[in-house]
N, C-alpha and C. Protein backbone atom coordinates (compact mmCIF):
# COMPACT_ATOMS: atom_id res chain seq x y z
N MET A 1 10.87 66.91 -15.17
CA MET A 1 10.32 66.40 -16.37
C MET A 1 10.89 64.91 -16.11
N TYR A 2 10.05 63.82 -16.71
CA TYR A 2 10.25 62.45 -16.45
C TYR A 2 11.18 61.99 -17.64
N LYS A 3 12.06 61.19 -17.31
CA LYS A 3 12.85 60.59 -18.04
C LYS A 3 13.08 59.03 -17.97
N PRO A 4 12.39 58.28 -19.03
CA PRO A 4 12.10 56.90 -18.89
C PRO A 4 13.54 56.10 -18.90
N SER A 5 13.51 55.24 -17.80
CA SER A 5 14.88 54.36 -17.52
C SER A 5 14.90 53.47 -18.58
N TRP A 6 13.86 52.90 -19.05
CA TRP A 6 13.99 51.87 -20.33
C TRP A 6 14.93 52.21 -21.52
N LEU A 7 14.99 53.70 -21.85
CA LEU A 7 15.66 54.21 -22.95
C LEU A 7 17.17 54.20 -22.50
N GLU A 8 17.40 54.50 -21.26
CA GLU A 8 18.96 54.47 -20.82
C GLU A 8 19.53 53.03 -20.97
N SER A 9 18.59 52.05 -20.42
CA SER A 9 19.07 50.91 -20.41
C SER A 9 19.34 50.29 -21.73
N PHE A 10 18.41 50.55 -22.98
CA PHE A 10 18.56 50.44 -24.27
C PHE A 10 19.99 50.90 -24.70
N ARG A 11 20.06 52.34 -24.53
CA ARG A 11 21.40 52.96 -25.04
C ARG A 11 22.61 52.26 -24.42
N ARG A 12 22.27 51.84 -23.03
CA ARG A 12 23.53 51.12 -22.26
C ARG A 12 23.88 49.88 -23.06
N LEU A 13 22.85 49.10 -23.05
CA LEU A 13 23.36 47.90 -24.19
C LEU A 13 23.56 47.87 -25.54
N ASN A 14 23.02 48.79 -26.21
CA ASN A 14 23.05 48.93 -27.35
C ASN A 14 23.61 50.61 -27.81
N PRO A 15 24.84 50.76 -27.56
CA PRO A 15 25.18 52.46 -27.75
C PRO A 15 25.15 52.78 -29.22
N ASP A 16 25.77 51.96 -30.17
CA ASP A 16 25.75 52.23 -31.60
C ASP A 16 24.91 51.74 -32.40
N ILE A 17 23.77 52.18 -32.83
CA ILE A 17 22.90 51.65 -33.58
C ILE A 17 23.23 51.35 -35.01
N ARG A 18 24.43 51.81 -35.35
CA ARG A 18 24.89 51.61 -36.74
C ARG A 18 25.96 50.37 -36.82
N GLU A 19 25.86 49.81 -35.66
CA GLU A 19 26.86 48.63 -35.42
C GLU A 19 26.22 47.41 -36.10
N MET A 20 25.00 47.23 -36.25
CA MET A 20 24.12 46.21 -37.06
C MET A 20 24.56 45.06 -36.34
N ASN A 21 24.52 44.64 -34.94
CA ASN A 21 24.72 43.65 -34.31
C ASN A 21 23.27 43.05 -34.01
N ALA A 22 22.75 42.10 -34.57
CA ALA A 22 21.45 41.80 -34.22
C ALA A 22 20.98 41.08 -32.91
N LYS A 23 22.20 40.27 -32.48
CA LYS A 23 22.07 39.78 -30.87
C LYS A 23 22.06 40.76 -30.15
N LYS A 24 22.83 41.82 -29.99
CA LYS A 24 23.13 42.91 -29.30
C LYS A 24 21.81 43.75 -29.30
N GLU A 25 21.22 43.95 -30.38
CA GLU A 25 20.15 44.65 -30.64
C GLU A 25 18.91 44.09 -30.04
N ARG A 26 18.84 42.65 -30.03
CA ARG A 26 17.73 41.76 -29.67
C ARG A 26 17.70 42.04 -28.16
N LEU A 27 18.91 41.81 -27.57
CA LEU A 27 19.04 41.70 -26.28
C LEU A 27 18.63 43.11 -25.56
N ALA A 28 19.12 44.18 -26.23
CA ALA A 28 18.56 45.55 -25.47
C ALA A 28 17.27 45.88 -25.79
N CYS A 29 16.40 45.22 -26.88
CA CYS A 29 15.21 45.46 -27.00
C CYS A 29 14.34 44.63 -25.87
N ASP A 30 14.92 43.43 -25.64
CA ASP A 30 14.15 42.68 -24.68
C ASP A 30 14.37 43.31 -23.34
N VAL A 31 15.61 43.65 -23.12
CA VAL A 31 15.88 44.21 -21.74
C VAL A 31 14.79 45.62 -21.64
N MET A 32 14.70 46.33 -22.55
CA MET A 32 14.11 47.37 -22.72
C MET A 32 12.54 47.33 -22.45
N ILE A 33 11.86 46.25 -23.13
CA ILE A 33 10.69 45.77 -22.99
C ILE A 33 10.12 45.47 -21.71
N ASP A 34 11.17 44.45 -21.01
CA ASP A 34 10.88 44.04 -19.64
C ASP A 34 10.93 45.19 -18.77
N GLU A 35 11.90 46.17 -18.75
CA GLU A 35 11.99 47.04 -17.85
C GLU A 35 10.85 48.01 -18.07
N LYS A 36 10.46 48.19 -19.23
CA LYS A 36 9.28 49.29 -19.50
C LYS A 36 7.91 48.69 -18.99
N GLU A 37 7.68 47.14 -19.05
CA GLU A 37 6.66 46.71 -18.97
C GLU A 37 6.63 46.85 -16.96
N ALA A 38 7.56 46.67 -16.23
CA ALA A 38 7.81 46.44 -14.72
C ALA A 38 7.75 48.21 -14.42
N GLU A 39 8.12 49.24 -15.13
CA GLU A 39 7.99 50.41 -14.76
C GLU A 39 6.55 50.93 -14.95
N MET A 40 6.08 50.41 -15.94
CA MET A 40 4.58 50.83 -16.35
C MET A 40 3.71 50.34 -15.18
N LYS A 41 3.80 49.42 -14.60
CA LYS A 41 3.03 48.88 -13.42
C LYS A 41 3.27 49.52 -12.20
N LEU A 42 4.43 49.86 -11.99
CA LEU A 42 4.77 50.58 -10.72
C LEU A 42 4.61 52.32 -10.59
N SER A 43 4.74 52.61 -11.81
CA SER A 43 4.91 54.33 -11.80
C SER A 43 3.81 55.01 -12.43
N PRO A 44 3.18 55.77 -11.82
CA PRO A 44 2.01 56.60 -12.68
C PRO A 44 2.48 57.75 -13.50
N LYS A 45 3.75 58.06 -13.29
CA LYS A 45 4.51 59.15 -13.95
C LYS A 45 5.09 58.43 -15.57
N ALA A 46 5.26 57.12 -15.43
CA ALA A 46 5.56 56.38 -16.57
C ALA A 46 4.45 56.04 -17.39
N ARG A 47 3.34 55.83 -16.91
CA ARG A 47 2.18 55.71 -17.62
C ARG A 47 1.61 57.18 -18.13
N GLN A 48 1.63 58.21 -17.62
CA GLN A 48 1.37 59.34 -18.13
C GLN A 48 2.37 59.61 -19.27
N TYR A 49 3.75 59.42 -18.87
CA TYR A 49 4.59 59.79 -20.12
C TYR A 49 4.35 58.97 -21.23
N GLU A 50 3.99 57.91 -21.06
CA GLU A 50 3.42 57.12 -22.41
C GLU A 50 2.25 57.41 -22.89
N GLY A 51 1.44 57.68 -22.06
CA GLY A 51 -0.02 58.30 -22.47
C GLY A 51 0.20 59.46 -23.63
N ASP A 52 1.13 60.52 -22.63
CA ASP A 52 1.19 61.59 -23.52
C ASP A 52 2.20 61.60 -24.81
N ARG A 53 3.01 60.58 -24.92
CA ARG A 53 3.76 60.16 -26.09
C ARG A 53 2.75 59.66 -27.31
N LYS A 54 1.92 58.66 -26.59
CA LYS A 54 1.04 58.13 -27.61
C LYS A 54 0.11 59.21 -28.07
N ASN A 55 -0.56 60.08 -27.39
CA ASN A 55 -1.26 61.36 -27.95
C ASN A 55 -0.57 62.16 -28.78
N GLU A 56 0.56 62.56 -28.45
CA GLU A 56 1.47 63.27 -29.51
C GLU A 56 1.47 62.64 -30.76
N TRP A 57 2.00 61.25 -30.74
CA TRP A 57 2.22 60.46 -32.05
C TRP A 57 0.87 60.53 -32.93
N ARG A 58 -0.54 60.35 -32.04
CA ARG A 58 -1.63 60.14 -32.90
C ARG A 58 -1.98 61.71 -33.58
N ALA A 59 -1.77 62.82 -32.72
CA ALA A 59 -1.97 64.15 -33.27
C ALA A 59 -1.14 64.29 -34.32
N TRP A 60 0.33 63.86 -34.29
CA TRP A 60 1.20 63.82 -35.51
C TRP A 60 0.76 63.42 -36.72
N ARG A 61 0.29 62.04 -36.60
CA ARG A 61 -0.22 61.42 -37.69
C ARG A 61 -1.49 61.90 -38.21
N LYS A 62 -2.59 62.39 -37.51
CA LYS A 62 -3.58 63.14 -37.75
C LYS A 62 -3.36 64.21 -38.92
N GLU A 63 -2.20 65.02 -38.30
CA GLU A 63 -1.91 66.22 -39.04
C GLU A 63 -1.35 65.92 -40.37
N LYS A 64 -0.21 64.61 -40.44
CA LYS A 64 0.20 64.18 -41.48
C LYS A 64 -0.80 63.67 -42.57
N VAL A 65 -1.76 62.86 -42.14
CA VAL A 65 -2.95 62.43 -43.09
C VAL A 65 -3.66 63.79 -43.71
N ARG A 66 -3.63 64.81 -43.06
CA ARG A 66 -4.51 66.08 -43.30
C ARG A 66 -3.59 66.47 -44.30
N GLU A 67 -2.33 66.92 -44.01
CA GLU A 67 -1.26 67.31 -45.13
C GLU A 67 -1.25 66.50 -46.21
N ASP A 68 -1.40 65.32 -46.20
CA ASP A 68 -1.39 64.22 -47.27
C ASP A 68 -2.69 64.62 -48.35
N ARG A 69 -3.81 64.55 -47.58
CA ARG A 69 -5.17 64.87 -48.24
C ARG A 69 -5.14 66.17 -48.91
N LEU A 70 -4.53 67.11 -48.45
CA LEU A 70 -4.55 68.51 -48.92
C LEU A 70 -3.70 68.44 -50.22
N LYS A 71 -2.29 67.73 -49.96
CA LYS A 71 -1.46 67.60 -51.16
C LYS A 71 -2.34 66.93 -52.28
N GLU A 72 -2.73 65.77 -51.90
CA GLU A 72 -3.73 65.06 -53.07
C GLU A 72 -4.71 66.05 -53.64
N LEU A 73 -5.32 66.68 -53.03
CA LEU A 73 -6.53 67.84 -53.55
C LEU A 73 -5.78 68.64 -54.48
N LYS A 74 -4.85 69.27 -54.21
CA LYS A 74 -4.01 70.26 -54.72
C LYS A 74 -3.67 69.67 -56.42
N ILE A 75 -3.05 68.56 -56.19
CA ILE A 75 -2.65 67.82 -57.32
C ILE A 75 -3.68 67.53 -58.36
N GLU A 76 -4.81 67.05 -57.56
CA GLU A 76 -5.92 66.77 -58.32
C GLU A 76 -6.66 67.95 -59.23
N GLU A 77 -6.79 69.17 -58.27
CA GLU A 77 -7.03 70.33 -58.70
C GLU A 77 -6.32 70.80 -60.13
N ALA A 78 -4.98 70.65 -59.84
CA ALA A 78 -3.94 71.10 -61.09
C ALA A 78 -4.37 70.23 -62.21
N GLN A 79 -4.42 68.77 -61.99
CA GLN A 79 -4.83 68.14 -63.15
C GLN A 79 -6.06 68.24 -64.02
N LYS A 80 -6.89 68.85 -63.13
CA LYS A 80 -8.22 69.35 -63.89
C LYS A 80 -8.05 70.52 -64.58
N PHE A 81 -7.21 71.71 -63.97
CA PHE A 81 -7.04 72.86 -64.39
C PHE A 81 -6.19 72.43 -65.82
N ALA A 82 -5.04 71.64 -65.89
CA ALA A 82 -4.30 71.25 -66.83
C ALA A 82 -5.09 70.55 -67.91
N LYS A 83 -6.14 69.79 -67.75
CA LYS A 83 -7.01 69.35 -68.66
C LYS A 83 -7.87 70.28 -69.37
N ARG A 84 -8.34 71.30 -68.88
CA ARG A 84 -9.38 72.31 -69.31
C ARG A 84 -8.40 73.18 -70.06
N PHE A 85 -7.15 73.54 -69.65
CA PHE A 85 -6.46 74.20 -70.33
C PHE A 85 -6.00 73.72 -71.74
N LEU A 86 -5.59 72.40 -71.80
CA LEU A 86 -5.35 71.72 -73.00
C LEU A 86 -6.62 71.69 -73.90
N ALA A 87 -7.47 71.41 -73.29
CA ALA A 87 -8.85 71.25 -74.11
C ALA A 87 -8.98 72.60 -74.95
N GLU A 88 -9.28 73.69 -73.84
CA GLU A 88 -9.34 75.19 -74.68
C GLU A 88 -8.29 75.31 -75.63
N ARG A 89 -7.11 75.02 -75.41
CA ARG A 89 -6.01 75.24 -76.42
C ARG A 89 -6.21 74.33 -77.78
N ALA A 90 -6.59 73.21 -77.53
CA ALA A 90 -6.97 72.54 -78.58
C ALA A 90 -7.94 72.97 -79.38
N LYS A 91 -9.14 73.27 -78.61
CA LYS A 91 -10.45 74.04 -79.47
C LYS A 91 -9.92 75.39 -80.02
N ARG A 92 -9.22 76.16 -79.72
CA ARG A 92 -8.55 77.28 -80.23
C ARG A 92 -7.96 77.15 -81.56
N ARG A 93 -6.92 75.86 -81.24
CA ARG A 93 -6.07 75.57 -82.74
C ARG A 93 -7.00 75.01 -83.59
N ASN A 94 -8.02 73.98 -83.27
CA ASN A 94 -9.01 73.56 -84.43
C ASN A 94 -9.59 75.10 -85.10
N ALA A 95 -10.07 75.64 -84.09
CA ALA A 95 -10.79 76.69 -84.92
C ALA A 95 -10.07 77.67 -85.77
N ARG A 96 -8.77 77.83 -85.40
CA ARG A 96 -8.03 78.76 -86.17
C ARG A 96 -7.51 77.98 -87.66
N THR A 97 -7.59 76.61 -87.56
CA THR A 97 -6.93 75.83 -88.53
C THR A 97 -8.11 75.23 -89.53
N LYS A 98 -9.32 75.43 -89.13
CA LYS A 98 -10.34 75.26 -90.02
C LYS A 98 -10.72 76.01 -91.35
N PRO A 99 -10.60 75.18 -92.40
CA PRO A 99 -10.95 75.85 -93.77
C PRO A 99 -11.95 76.75 -93.82
N THR A 100 -12.11 78.09 -94.15
CA THR A 100 -13.02 78.78 -94.25
C THR A 100 -14.06 78.49 -95.59
N LYS A 101 -15.26 78.29 -95.64
CA LYS A 101 -16.16 78.39 -96.73
C LYS A 101 -16.18 79.57 -97.54
N LYS A 102 -16.03 79.67 -98.69
CA LYS A 102 -16.40 80.85 -99.53
C LYS A 102 -17.54 81.04 -100.25
């Protein structure tokens, strides 16, 4: 399995991400970007890894969007059901409370 070297260089330069040291983080990011670009030019495995990672990300985003749409549809359906239910309930209540003519 391919293990990207730029991730190791980032971890080496910035081992604790909770430290909140902006200069250290910036240096680690710059080194990681430079190393990644150099490796992408030379290694077909690195390009394949990056392509697979991006495809996986796109598939995850597509699934997330689908789940969000499904959730929105369920919410809309529940709102429609609630409106119909409340309208029927009000209609029944009005029918019971109307005075009957004698």
